[in-house]
Amino acid sequence: MEVLVYDPQGAFSKMLQKSDLSYGEFHVSKDLTDVNFDENDYVAVVFFAYSAGDLLSLLGVYKRNIPIILCSLDKEVYKKAQGVYGVISVDMTKHKSEIIEYFNSILSVTV
């Protein structure tokens, strides 16, 4: 079982892949249209939003009963994500070690 990582720019997904995460099976995608949810068993979706416009892509996975971890450097996007039921928001402005520690705690509960 994999964790789907949606990262349209690819910057943060590289950080996750090179870090010491306890869960290491990731499928990275820059475009959700190439993801077949029916064939793949994803246990969670890590969704990187660089702008409020990126949140529209989230609609394609929101109703699939998969835990969604939304990450953003944009404080406005981060605050909006906190109010969405079923979405775990991650503030990517924190130090890398804090982010990785938080990801490990989230993935150990959701996966």
PDB file of N, CA and C in Angstrom:
ATOM      1  N   MET A   1       0.837  -1.175   0.000  1.00  0.00           N
ATOM      2  CA  MET A   1       0.000   0.000   0.000  1.00  0.00           C
ATOM      3  C   MET A   1       0.886   1.243   0.000  1.00  0.00           C
ATOM      4  N   GLU A   2       0.490   2.204  -0.815  1.00  0.00           N
ATOM      5  CA  GLU A   2       1.292   3.398  -0.995  1.00  0.00           C
ATOM      6  C   GLU A   2       0.584   4.639  -0.478  1.00  0.00           C
ATOM      7  N   VAL A   3       1.388   5.668  -0.241  1.00  0.00           N
ATOM      8  CA  VAL A   3       0.887   7.001   0.042  1.00  0.00           C
ATOM      9  C   VAL A   3       1.065   7.795  -1.248  1.00  0.00           C
ATOM     10  N   LEU A   4      -0.024   8.379  -1.736  1.00  0.00           N
ATOM     11  CA  LEU A   4       0.045   9.210  -2.927  1.00  0.00           C
ATOM     12  C   LEU A   4       0.522  10.589  -2.519  1.00  0.00           C
ATOM     13  N   VAL A   5       1.546  11.081  -3.204  1.00  0.00           N
ATOM     14  CA  VAL A   5       2.069  12.421  -2.950  1.00  0.00           C
ATOM     15  C   VAL A   5       1.796  13.250  -4.195  1.00  0.00           C
ATOM     16  N   TYR A   6       0.881  14.206  -4.076  1.00  0.00           N
ATOM     17  CA  TYR A   6       0.577  15.119  -5.183  1.00  0.00           C
ATOM     18  C   TYR A   6       1.375  16.393  -4.962  1.00  0.00           C
ATOM     19  N   ASP A   7       2.300  16.654  -5.875  1.00  0.00           N
ATOM     20  CA  ASP A   7       3.171  17.821  -5.774  1.00  0.00           C
ATOM     21  C   ASP A   7       3.377  18.381  -7.177  1.00  0.00           C
ATOM     22  N   PRO A   8       2.569  19.383  -7.582  1.00  0.00           N
ATOM     23  CA  PRO A   8       2.648  19.885  -8.953  1.00  0.00           C
ATOM     24  C   PRO A   8       3.996  20.481  -9.329  1.00  0.00           C
ATOM     25  N   GLN A   9       4.774  20.937  -8.363  1.00  0.00           N
ATOM     26  CA  GLN A   9       6.084  21.512  -8.670  1.00  0.00           C
ATOM     27  C   GLN A   9       7.240  20.570  -8.335  1.00  0.00           C
ATOM     28  N   GLY A  10       6.991  19.561  -7.539  1.00  0.00           N
ATOM     29  CA  GLY A  10       8.008  18.561  -7.242  1.00  0.00           C
ATOM     30  C   GLY A  10       9.004  18.914  -6.156  1.00  0.00           C
ATOM     31  N   ALA A  11       8.927  20.088  -5.592  1.00  0.00           N
ATOM     32  CA  ALA A  11       9.922  20.527  -4.615  1.00  0.00           C
ATOM     33  C   ALA A  11       9.825  19.790  -3.284  1.00  0.00           C
ATOM     34  N   PHE A  12       8.628  19.714  -2.714  1.00  0.00           N
ATOM     35  CA  PHE A  12       8.486  19.117  -1.394  1.00  0.00           C
ATOM     36  C   PHE A  12       8.500  17.596  -1.434  1.00  0.00           C
ATOM     37  N   SER A  13       8.033  17.021  -2.521  1.00  0.00           N
ATOM     38  CA  SER A  13       8.045  15.559  -2.612  1.00  0.00           C
ATOM     39  C   SER A  13       9.476  15.029  -2.576  1.00  0.00           C
ATOM     40  N   LYS A  14      10.413  15.774  -3.141  1.00  0.00           N
ATOM     41  CA  LYS A  14      11.823  15.363  -3.083  1.00  0.00           C
ATOM     42  C   LYS A  14      12.323  15.382  -1.649  1.00  0.00           C
ATOM     43  N   MET A  15      11.897  16.395  -0.887  1.00  0.00           N
ATOM     44  CA  MET A  15      12.294  16.466   0.514  1.00  0.00           C
ATOM     45  C   MET A  15      11.763  15.255   1.281  1.00  0.00           C
ATOM     46  N   LEU A  16      10.511  14.880   1.031  1.00  0.00           N
ATOM     47  CA  LEU A  16       9.938  13.725   1.729  1.00  0.00           C
ATOM     48  C   LEU A  16      10.667  12.440   1.370  1.00  0.00           C
ATOM     49  N   GLN A  17      10.980  12.268   0.098  1.00  0.00           N
ATOM     50  CA  GLN A  17      11.627  11.044  -0.344  1.00  0.00           C
ATOM     51  C   GLN A  17      13.037  10.898   0.202  1.00  0.00           C
ATOM     52  N   LYS A  18      13.710  12.019   0.455  1.00  0.00           N
ATOM     53  CA  LYS A  18      15.082  11.976   0.950  1.00  0.00           C
ATOM     54  C   LYS A  18      15.168  11.991   2.474  1.00  0.00           C
ATOM     55  N   SER A  19      14.032  12.103   3.142  1.00  0.00           N
ATOM     56  CA  SER A  19      14.037  12.219   4.599  1.00  0.00           C
ATOM     57  C   SER A  19      13.912  10.848   5.254  1.00  0.00           C
ATOM     58  N   ASP A  20      13.976  10.861   6.559  1.00  0.00           N
ATOM     59  CA  ASP A  20      13.891   9.632   7.348  1.00  0.00           C
ATOM     60  C   ASP A  20      12.467   9.387   7.824  1.00  0.00           C
ATOM     61  N   LEU A  21      11.557   9.229   6.874  1.00  0.00           N
ATOM     62  CA  LEU A  21      10.180   8.924   7.249  1.00  0.00           C
ATOM     63  C   LEU A  21      10.053   7.451   7.577  1.00  0.00           C
ATOM     64  N   SER A  22       9.205   7.159   8.547  1.00  0.00           N
ATOM     65  CA  SER A  22       9.021   5.768   8.938  1.00  0.00           C
ATOM     66  C   SER A  22       8.227   4.993   7.895  1.00  0.00           C
ATOM     67  N   TYR A  23       7.438   5.688   7.092  1.00  0.00           N
ATOM     68  CA  TYR A  23       6.666   5.040   6.031  1.00  0.00           C
ATOM     69  C   TYR A  23       7.299   5.440   4.718  1.00  0.00           C
ATOM     70  N   GLY A  24       7.803   4.498   3.958  1.00  0.00           N
ATOM     71  CA  GLY A  24       8.594   4.836   2.796  1.00  0.00           C
ATOM     72  C   GLY A  24       8.033   4.483   1.444  1.00  0.00           C
ATOM     73  N   GLU A  25       6.790   4.033   1.348  1.00  0.00           N
ATOM     74  CA  GLU A  25       6.228   3.660   0.061  1.00  0.00           C
ATOM     75  C   GLU A  25       5.374   4.807  -0.474  1.00  0.00           C
ATOM     76  N   PHE A  26       5.942   5.568  -1.425  1.00  0.00           N
ATOM     77  CA  PHE A  26       5.264   6.734  -1.962  1.00  0.00           C
ATOM     78  C   PHE A  26       5.127   6.635  -3.473  1.00  0.00           C
ATOM     79  N   HIS A  27       4.016   7.149  -3.968  1.00  0.00           N
ATOM     80  CA  HIS A  27       3.808   7.321  -5.408  1.00  0.00           C
ATOM     81  C   HIS A  27       3.663   8.822  -5.615  1.00  0.00           C
ATOM     82  N   VAL A  28       4.632   9.433  -6.317  1.00  0.00           N
ATOM     83  CA  VAL A  28       4.635  10.877  -6.523  1.00  0.00           C
ATOM     84  C   VAL A  28       3.997  11.195  -7.861  1.00  0.00           C
ATOM     85  N   SER A  29       3.105  12.176  -7.853  1.00  0.00           N
ATOM     86  CA  SER A  29       2.424  12.602  -9.075  1.00  0.00           C
ATOM     87  C   SER A  29       2.384  14.122  -9.136  1.00  0.00           C
ATOM     88  N   LYS A  30       2.642  14.655 -10.331  1.00  0.00           N
ATOM     89  CA  LYS A  30       2.521  16.099 -10.550  1.00  0.00           C
ATOM     90  C   LYS A  30       1.165  16.442 -11.161  1.00  0.00           C
ATOM     91  N   ASP A  31       0.403  15.424 -11.524  1.00  0.00           N
ATOM     92  CA  ASP A  31      -0.892  15.625 -12.169  1.00  0.00           C
ATOM     93  C   ASP A  31      -1.818  14.487 -11.754  1.00  0.00           C
ATOM     94  N   LEU A  32      -2.902  14.807 -11.107  1.00  0.00           N
ATOM     95  CA  LEU A  32      -3.800  13.768 -10.603  1.00  0.00           C
ATOM     96  C   LEU A  32      -4.553  13.040 -11.707  1.00  0.00           C
ATOM     97  N   THR A  33      -4.515  13.550 -12.931  1.00  0.00           N
ATOM     98  CA  THR A  33      -5.212  12.860 -14.013  1.00  0.00           C
ATOM     99  C   THR A  33      -4.511  11.565 -14.389  1.00  0.00           C
ATOM    100  N   ASP A  34      -3.244  11.416 -14.021  1.00  0.00           N
ATOM    101  CA  ASP A  34      -2.534  10.169 -14.330  1.00  0.00           C
ATOM    102  C   ASP A  34      -2.645   9.133 -13.207  1.00  0.00           C
ATOM    103  N   VAL A  35      -3.432   9.433 -12.189  1.00  0.00           N
ATOM    104  CA  VAL A  35      -3.596   8.525 -11.051  1.00  0.00           C
ATOM    105  C   VAL A  35      -4.900   7.755 -11.202  1.00  0.00           C
ATOM    106  N   ASN A  36      -4.809   6.432 -11.124  1.00  0.00           N
ATOM    107  CA  ASN A  36      -5.992   5.590 -11.203  1.00  0.00           C
ATOM    108  C   ASN A  36      -6.320   5.109  -9.793  1.00  0.00           C
ATOM    109  N   PHE A  37      -7.300   5.743  -9.173  1.00  0.00           N
ATOM    110  CA  PHE A  37      -7.655   5.395  -7.803  1.00  0.00           C
ATOM    111  C   PHE A  37      -8.304   4.022  -7.707  1.00  0.00           C
ATOM    112  N   ASP A  38      -8.900   3.550  -8.791  1.00  0.00           N
ATOM    113  CA  ASP A  38      -9.560   2.246  -8.766  1.00  0.00           C
ATOM    114  C   ASP A  38      -8.567   1.095  -8.723  1.00  0.00           C
ATOM    115  N   GLU A  39      -7.406   1.260  -9.370  1.00  0.00           N
ATOM    116  CA  GLU A  39      -6.418   0.180  -9.415  1.00  0.00           C
ATOM    117  C   GLU A  39      -5.449   0.218  -8.237  1.00  0.00           C
ATOM    118  N   ASN A  40      -5.223   1.382  -7.684  1.00  0.00           N
ATOM    119  CA  ASN A  40      -4.221   1.519  -6.624  1.00  0.00           C
ATOM    120  C   ASN A  40      -4.880   1.634  -5.263  1.00  0.00           C
ATOM    121  N   ASP A  41      -4.273   0.992  -4.300  1.00  0.00           N
ATOM    122  CA  ASP A  41      -4.733   1.095  -2.927  1.00  0.00           C
ATOM    123  C   ASP A  41      -3.877   2.120  -2.193  1.00  0.00           C
ATOM    124  N   TYR A  42      -4.315   3.353  -2.194  1.00  0.00           N
ATOM    125  CA  TYR A  42      -3.600   4.392  -1.461  1.00  0.00           C
ATOM    126  C   TYR A  42      -4.159   4.469  -0.055  1.00  0.00           C
ATOM    127  N   VAL A  43      -3.274   4.554   0.912  1.00  0.00           N
ATOM    128  CA  VAL A  43      -3.711   4.627   2.300  1.00  0.00           C
ATOM    129  C   VAL A  43      -3.841   6.069   2.774  1.00  0.00           C
ATOM    130  N   ALA A  44      -3.250   7.004   2.034  1.00  0.00           N
ATOM    131  CA  ALA A  44      -3.334   8.427   2.357  1.00  0.00           C
ATOM    132  C   ALA A  44      -2.877   9.225   1.143  1.00  0.00           C
ATOM    133  N   VAL A  45      -3.246  10.504   1.137  1.00  0.00           N
ATOM    134  CA  VAL A  45      -2.806  11.424   0.095  1.00  0.00           C
ATOM    135  C   VAL A  45      -2.111  12.593   0.774  1.00  0.00           C
ATOM    136  N   VAL A  46      -0.870  12.855   0.369  1.00  0.00           N
ATOM    137  CA  VAL A  46      -0.152  14.045   0.809  1.00  0.00           C
ATOM    138  C   VAL A  46      -0.276  15.029  -0.340  1.00  0.00           C
ATOM    139  N   PHE A  47      -0.908  16.149  -0.092  1.00  0.00           N
ATOM    140  CA  PHE A  47      -1.283  17.100  -1.127  1.00  0.00           C
ATOM    141  C   PHE A  47      -0.562  18.414  -0.878  1.00  0.00           C
ATOM    142  N   PHE A  48       0.345  18.797  -1.783  1.00  0.00           N
ATOM    143  CA  PHE A  48       1.072  20.058  -1.641  1.00  0.00           C
ATOM    144  C   PHE A  48       0.366  21.134  -2.442  1.00  0.00           C
ATOM    145  N   ALA A  49      -0.088  22.179  -1.768  1.00  0.00           N
ATOM    146  CA  ALA A  49      -0.761  23.299  -2.423  1.00  0.00           C
ATOM    147  C   ALA A  49       0.155  24.514  -2.357  1.00  0.00           C
ATOM    148  N   TYR A  50       0.535  24.992  -3.515  1.00  0.00           N
ATOM    149  CA  TYR A  50       1.408  26.165  -3.589  1.00  0.00           C
ATOM    150  C   TYR A  50       0.602  27.460  -3.617  1.00  0.00           C
ATOM    151  N   SER A  51      -0.671  27.361  -3.989  1.00  0.00           N
ATOM    152  CA  SER A  51      -1.541  28.536  -4.039  1.00  0.00           C
ATOM    153  C   SER A  51      -2.975  28.082  -3.793  1.00  0.00           C
ATOM    154  N   ALA A  52      -3.862  29.055  -3.617  1.00  0.00           N
ATOM    155  CA  ALA A  52      -5.272  28.728  -3.416  1.00  0.00           C
ATOM    156  C   ALA A  52      -5.836  28.017  -4.648  1.00  0.00           C
ATOM    157  N   GLY A  53      -5.306  28.314  -5.822  1.00  0.00           N
ATOM    158  CA  GLY A  53      -5.751  27.662  -7.051  1.00  0.00           C
ATOM    159  C   GLY A  53      -5.475  26.171  -7.059  1.00  0.00           C
ATOM    160  N   ASP A  54      -4.416  25.745  -6.398  1.00  0.00           N
ATOM    161  CA  ASP A  54      -4.095  24.316  -6.318  1.00  0.00           C
ATOM    162  C   ASP A  54      -5.150  23.534  -5.544  1.00  0.00           C
ATOM    163  N   LEU A  55      -5.891  24.222  -4.714  1.00  0.00           N
ATOM    164  CA  LEU A  55      -6.909  23.543  -3.905  1.00  0.00           C
ATOM    165  C   LEU A  55      -8.015  22.945  -4.768  1.00  0.00           C
ATOM    166  N   LEU A  56      -8.215  23.464  -5.969  1.00  0.00           N
ATOM    167  CA  LEU A  56      -9.225  22.904  -6.868  1.00  0.00           C
ATOM    168  C   LEU A  56      -8.899  21.456  -7.225  1.00  0.00           C
ATOM    169  N   SER A  57      -7.630  21.138  -7.344  1.00  0.00           N
ATOM    170  CA  SER A  57      -7.233  19.762  -7.644  1.00  0.00           C
ATOM    171  C   SER A  57      -7.571  18.814  -6.510  1.00  0.00           C
ATOM    172  N   LEU A  58      -7.691  19.367  -5.315  1.00  0.00           N
ATOM    173  CA  LEU A  58      -8.025  18.555  -4.145  1.00  0.00           C
ATOM    174  C   LEU A  58      -9.426  17.949  -4.256  1.00  0.00           C
ATOM    175  N   LEU A  59     -10.304  18.611  -4.990  1.00  0.00           N
ATOM    176  CA  LEU A  59     -11.673  18.122  -5.110  1.00  0.00           C
ATOM    177  C   LEU A  59     -11.728  16.729  -5.731  1.00  0.00           C
ATOM    178  N   GLY A  60     -10.752  16.392  -6.549  1.00  0.00           N
ATOM    179  CA  GLY A  60     -10.738  15.078  -7.186  1.00  0.00           C
ATOM    180  C   GLY A  60     -10.468  13.928  -6.232  1.00  0.00           C
ATOM    181  N   VAL A  61      -9.865  14.204  -5.092  1.00  0.00           N
ATOM    182  CA  VAL A  61      -9.560  13.137  -4.134  1.00  0.00           C
ATOM    183  C   VAL A  61     -10.321  13.281  -2.827  1.00  0.00           C
ATOM    184  N   TYR A  62     -11.001  14.407  -2.626  1.00  0.00           N
ATOM    185  CA  TYR A  62     -11.608  14.679  -1.325  1.00  0.00           C
ATOM    186  C   TYR A  62     -12.697  13.690  -0.945  1.00  0.00           C
ATOM    187  N   LYS A  63     -13.478  13.219  -1.874  1.00  0.00           N
ATOM    188  CA  LYS A  63     -14.600  12.339  -1.542  1.00  0.00           C
ATOM    189  C   LYS A  63     -14.249  10.864  -1.660  1.00  0.00           C
ATOM    190  N   ARG A  64     -13.018  10.512  -1.638  1.00  0.00           N
ATOM    191  CA  ARG A  64     -12.616   9.128  -1.843  1.00  0.00           C
ATOM    192  C   ARG A  64     -12.352   8.379  -0.539  1.00  0.00           C
ATOM    193  N   ASN A  65     -12.680   8.958   0.589  1.00  0.00           N
ATOM    194  CA  ASN A  65     -12.489   8.316   1.897  1.00  0.00           C
ATOM    195  C   ASN A  65     -11.048   7.918   2.155  1.00  0.00           C
ATOM    196  N   ILE A  66     -10.137   8.748   1.701  1.00  0.00           N
ATOM    197  CA  ILE A  66      -8.712   8.552   1.928  1.00  0.00           C
ATOM    198  C   ILE A  66      -8.244   9.709   2.804  1.00  0.00           C
ATOM    199  N   PRO A  67      -7.487   9.440   3.866  1.00  0.00           N
ATOM    200  CA  PRO A  67      -6.967  10.557   4.669  1.00  0.00           C
ATOM    201  C   PRO A  67      -6.132  11.498   3.800  1.00  0.00           C
ATOM    202  N   ILE A  68      -6.391  12.796   3.931  1.00  0.00           N
ATOM    203  CA  ILE A  68      -5.686  13.801   3.140  1.00  0.00           C
ATOM    204  C   ILE A  68      -4.851  14.672   4.061  1.00  0.00           C
ATOM    205  N   ILE A  69      -3.587  14.779   3.731  1.00  0.00           N
ATOM    206  CA  ILE A  69      -2.658  15.638   4.456  1.00  0.00           C
ATOM    207  C   ILE A  69      -2.312  16.780   3.519  1.00  0.00           C
ATOM    208  N   LEU A  70      -2.805  17.981   3.807  1.00  0.00           N
ATOM    209  CA  LEU A  70      -2.591  19.131   2.942  1.00  0.00           C
ATOM    210  C   LEU A  70      -1.452  19.976   3.477  1.00  0.00           C
ATOM    211  N   CYS A  71      -0.482  20.241   2.633  1.00  0.00           N
ATOM    212  CA  CYS A  71       0.711  20.978   3.025  1.00  0.00           C
ATOM    213  C   CYS A  71       0.821  22.255   2.211  1.00  0.00           C
ATOM    214  N   SER A  72       1.230  23.339   2.862  1.00  0.00           N
ATOM    215  CA  SER A  72       1.372  24.584   2.133  1.00  0.00           C
ATOM    216  C   SER A  72       2.314  25.544   2.849  1.00  0.00           C
ATOM    217  N   LEU A  73       3.022  26.323   2.040  1.00  0.00           N
ATOM    218  CA  LEU A  73       3.823  27.431   2.555  1.00  0.00           C
ATOM    219  C   LEU A  73       2.971  28.693   2.675  1.00  0.00           C
ATOM    220  N   ASP A  74       1.874  28.717   1.940  1.00  0.00           N
ATOM    221  CA  ASP A  74       0.974  29.863   1.899  1.00  0.00           C
ATOM    222  C   ASP A  74       0.091  29.839   3.152  1.00  0.00           C
ATOM    223  N   LYS A  75       0.252  30.823   4.010  1.00  0.00           N
ATOM    224  CA  LYS A  75      -0.495  30.859   5.283  1.00  0.00           C
ATOM    225  C   LYS A  75      -2.001  30.899   5.050  1.00  0.00           C
ATOM    226  N   GLU A  76      -2.456  31.580   3.993  1.00  0.00           N
ATOM    227  CA  GLU A  76      -3.889  31.655   3.710  1.00  0.00           C
ATOM    228  C   GLU A  76      -4.439  30.275   3.351  1.00  0.00           C
ATOM    229  N   VAL A  77      -3.713  29.545   2.525  1.00  0.00           N
ATOM    230  CA  VAL A  77      -4.128  28.188   2.145  1.00  0.00           C
ATOM    231  C   VAL A  77      -4.124  27.290   3.368  1.00  0.00           C
ATOM    232  N   TYR A  78      -3.092  27.406   4.178  1.00  0.00           N
ATOM    233  CA  TYR A  78      -2.988  26.608   5.402  1.00  0.00           C
ATOM    234  C   TYR A  78      -4.182  26.857   6.326  1.00  0.00           C
ATOM    235  N   LYS A  79      -4.543  28.122   6.510  1.00  0.00           N
ATOM    236  CA  LYS A  79      -5.670  28.457   7.390  1.00  0.00           C
ATOM    237  C   LYS A  79      -6.987  27.936   6.823  1.00  0.00           C
ATOM    238  N   LYS A  80      -7.171  28.037   5.510  1.00  0.00           N
ATOM    239  CA  LYS A  80      -8.389  27.520   4.888  1.00  0.00           C
ATOM    240  C   LYS A  80      -8.475  26.000   5.051  1.00  0.00           C
ATOM    241  N   ALA A  81      -7.355  25.326   4.937  1.00  0.00           N
ATOM    242  CA  ALA A  81      -7.327  23.864   5.046  1.00  0.00           C
ATOM    243  C   ALA A  81      -7.687  23.405   6.454  1.00  0.00           C
ATOM    244  N   GLN A  82      -7.365  24.206   7.449  1.00  0.00           N
ATOM    245  CA  GLN A  82      -7.678  23.830   8.824  1.00  0.00           C
ATOM    246  C   GLN A  82      -9.173  23.725   9.057  1.00  0.00           C
ATOM    247  N   GLY A  83      -9.965  24.423   8.257  1.00  0.00           N
ATOM    248  CA  GLY A  83     -11.403  24.396   8.438  1.00  0.00           C
ATOM    249  C   GLY A  83     -12.120  23.336   7.620  1.00  0.00           C
ATOM    250  N   VAL A  84     -11.382  22.532   6.868  1.00  0.00           N
ATOM    251  CA  VAL A  84     -11.995  21.522   6.011  1.00  0.00           C
ATOM    252  C   VAL A  84     -12.022  20.191   6.757  1.00  0.00           C
ATOM    253  N   TYR A  85     -13.220  19.646   6.918  1.00  0.00           N
ATOM    254  CA  TYR A  85     -13.389  18.390   7.644  1.00  0.00           C
ATOM    255  C   TYR A  85     -12.626  17.254   6.949  1.00  0.00           C
ATOM    256  N   GLY A  86     -11.877  16.501   7.708  1.00  0.00           N
ATOM    257  CA  GLY A  86     -11.172  15.343   7.183  1.00  0.00           C
ATOM    258  C   GLY A  86      -9.828  15.641   6.564  1.00  0.00           C
ATOM    259  N   VAL A  87      -9.419  16.908   6.572  1.00  0.00           N
ATOM    260  CA  VAL A  87      -8.124  17.281   6.008  1.00  0.00           C
ATOM    261  C   VAL A  87      -7.184  17.648   7.144  1.00  0.00           C
ATOM    262  N   ILE A  88      -6.019  17.031   7.140  1.00  0.00           N
ATOM    263  CA  ILE A  88      -4.978  17.344   8.120  1.00  0.00           C
ATOM    264  C   ILE A  88      -4.067  18.367   7.459  1.00  0.00           C
ATOM    265  N   SER A  89      -3.941  19.543   8.050  1.00  0.00           N
ATOM    266  CA  SER A  89      -3.114  20.584   7.438  1.00  0.00           C
ATOM    267  C   SER A  89      -1.738  20.651   8.095  1.00  0.00           C
ATOM    268  N   VAL A  90      -0.738  20.891   7.239  1.00  0.00           N
ATOM    269  CA  VAL A  90       0.652  20.953   7.698  1.00  0.00           C
ATOM    270  C   VAL A  90       1.248  22.281   7.246  1.00  0.00           C
ATOM    271  N   ASP A  91       1.800  23.023   8.186  1.00  0.00           N
ATOM    272  CA  ASP A  91       2.445  24.297   7.904  1.00  0.00           C
ATOM    273  C   ASP A  91       3.884  24.013   7.459  1.00  0.00           C
ATOM    274  N   MET A  92       4.144  24.228   6.174  1.00  0.00           N
ATOM    275  CA  MET A  92       5.464  23.908   5.615  1.00  0.00           C
ATOM    276  C   MET A  92       6.496  25.004   5.856  1.00  0.00           C
ATOM    277  N   THR A  93       6.139  26.055   6.612  1.00  0.00           N
ATOM    278  CA  THR A  93       7.114  27.093   6.925  1.00  0.00           C
ATOM    279  C   THR A  93       7.971  26.711   8.126  1.00  0.00           C
ATOM    280  N   LYS A  94       7.630  25.625   8.782  1.00  0.00           N
ATOM    281  CA  LYS A  94       8.401  25.171   9.945  1.00  0.00           C
ATOM    282  C   LYS A  94       9.720  24.542   9.505  1.00  0.00           C
ATOM    283  N   HIS A  95      10.580  24.271  10.461  1.00  0.00           N
ATOM    284  CA  HIS A  95      11.873  23.649  10.186  1.00  0.00           C
ATOM    285  C   HIS A  95      11.665  22.231   9.653  1.00  0.00           C
ATOM    286  N   LYS A  96      12.530  21.800   8.771  1.00  0.00           N
ATOM    287  CA  LYS A  96      12.410  20.482   8.133  1.00  0.00           C
ATOM    288  C   LYS A  96      12.286  19.352   9.147  1.00  0.00           C
ATOM    289  N   SER A  97      13.065  19.383  10.220  1.00  0.00           N
ATOM    290  CA  SER A  97      13.006  18.302  11.206  1.00  0.00           C
ATOM    291  C   SER A  97      11.638  18.252  11.901  1.00  0.00           C
ATOM    292  N   GLU A  98      11.028  19.420  12.153  1.00  0.00           N
ATOM    293  CA  GLU A  98       9.689  19.454  12.746  1.00  0.00           C
ATOM    294  C   GLU A  98       8.653  18.877  11.782  1.00  0.00           C
ATOM    295  N   ILE A  99       8.792  19.216  10.507  1.00  0.00           N
ATOM    296  CA  ILE A  99       7.863  18.725   9.490  1.00  0.00           C
ATOM    297  C   ILE A  99       7.951  17.210   9.377  1.00  0.00           C
ATOM    298  N   ILE A 100       9.165  16.675   9.329  1.00  0.00           N
ATOM    299  CA  ILE A 100       9.356  15.226   9.203  1.00  0.00           C
ATOM    300  C   ILE A 100       8.815  14.510  10.439  1.00  0.00           C
ATOM    301  N   GLU A 101       9.067  15.066  11.608  1.00  0.00           N
ATOM    302  CA  GLU A 101       8.548  14.467  12.844  1.00  0.00           C
ATOM    303  C   GLU A 101       7.019  14.456  12.832  1.00  0.00           C
ATOM    304  N   TYR A 102       6.426  15.539  12.374  1.00  0.00           N
ATOM    305  CA  TYR A 102       4.965  15.620  12.296  1.00  0.00           C
ATOM    306  C   TYR A 102       4.421  14.619  11.282  1.00  0.00           C
ATOM    307  N   PHE A 103       5.071  14.505  10.114  1.00  0.00           N
ATOM    308  CA  PHE A 103       4.657  13.525   9.115  1.00  0.00           C
ATOM    309  C   PHE A 103       4.723  12.107   9.675  1.00  0.00           C
ATOM    310  N   ASN A 104       5.784  11.791  10.390  1.00  0.00           N
ATOM    311  CA  ASN A 104       5.903  10.458  10.991  1.00  0.00           C
ATOM    312  C   ASN A 104       4.751  10.187  11.953  1.00  0.00           C
ATOM    313  N   SER A 105       4.378  11.176  12.744  1.00  0.00           N
ATOM    314  CA  SER A 105       3.278  10.973  13.695  1.00  0.00           C
ATOM    315  C   SER A 105       1.951  10.820  12.955  1.00  0.00           C
ATOM    316  N   ILE A 106       1.737  11.603  11.903  1.00  0.00           N
ATOM    317  CA  ILE A 106       0.487  11.505  11.135  1.00  0.00           C
ATOM    318  C   ILE A 106       0.393  10.160  10.437  1.00  0.00           C
ATOM    319  N   LEU A 107       1.458   9.771   9.733  1.00  0.00           N
ATOM    320  CA  LEU A 107       1.436   8.523   8.962  1.00  0.00           C
ATOM    321  C   LEU A 107       1.337   7.305   9.852  1.00  0.00           C
ATOM    322  N   SER A 108       1.881   7.363  11.040  1.00  0.00           N
ATOM    323  CA  SER A 108       1.779   6.204  11.937  1.00  0.00           C
ATOM    324  C   SER A 108       0.346   6.004  12.418  1.00  0.00           C
ATOM    325  N   VAL A 109      -0.451   7.072  12.457  1.00  0.00           N
ATOM    326  CA  VAL A 109      -1.846   6.970  12.872  1.00  0.00           C
ATOM    327  C   VAL A 109      -2.755   6.624  11.709  1.00  0.00           C
ATOM    328  N   THR A 110      -2.517   7.222  10.540  1.00  0.00           N
ATOM    329  CA  THR A 110      -3.422   7.045   9.406  1.00  0.00           C
ATOM    330  C   THR A 110      -3.122   5.811   8.569  1.00  0.00           C
ATOM    331  N   VAL A 111      -1.923   5.298   8.613  1.00  0.00           N
ATOM    332  CA  VAL A 111      -1.554   4.185   7.746  1.00  0.00           C
ATOM    333  C   VAL A 111      -1.592   2.876   8.481  1.00  0.00           C
TER     334      VAL A 111
END
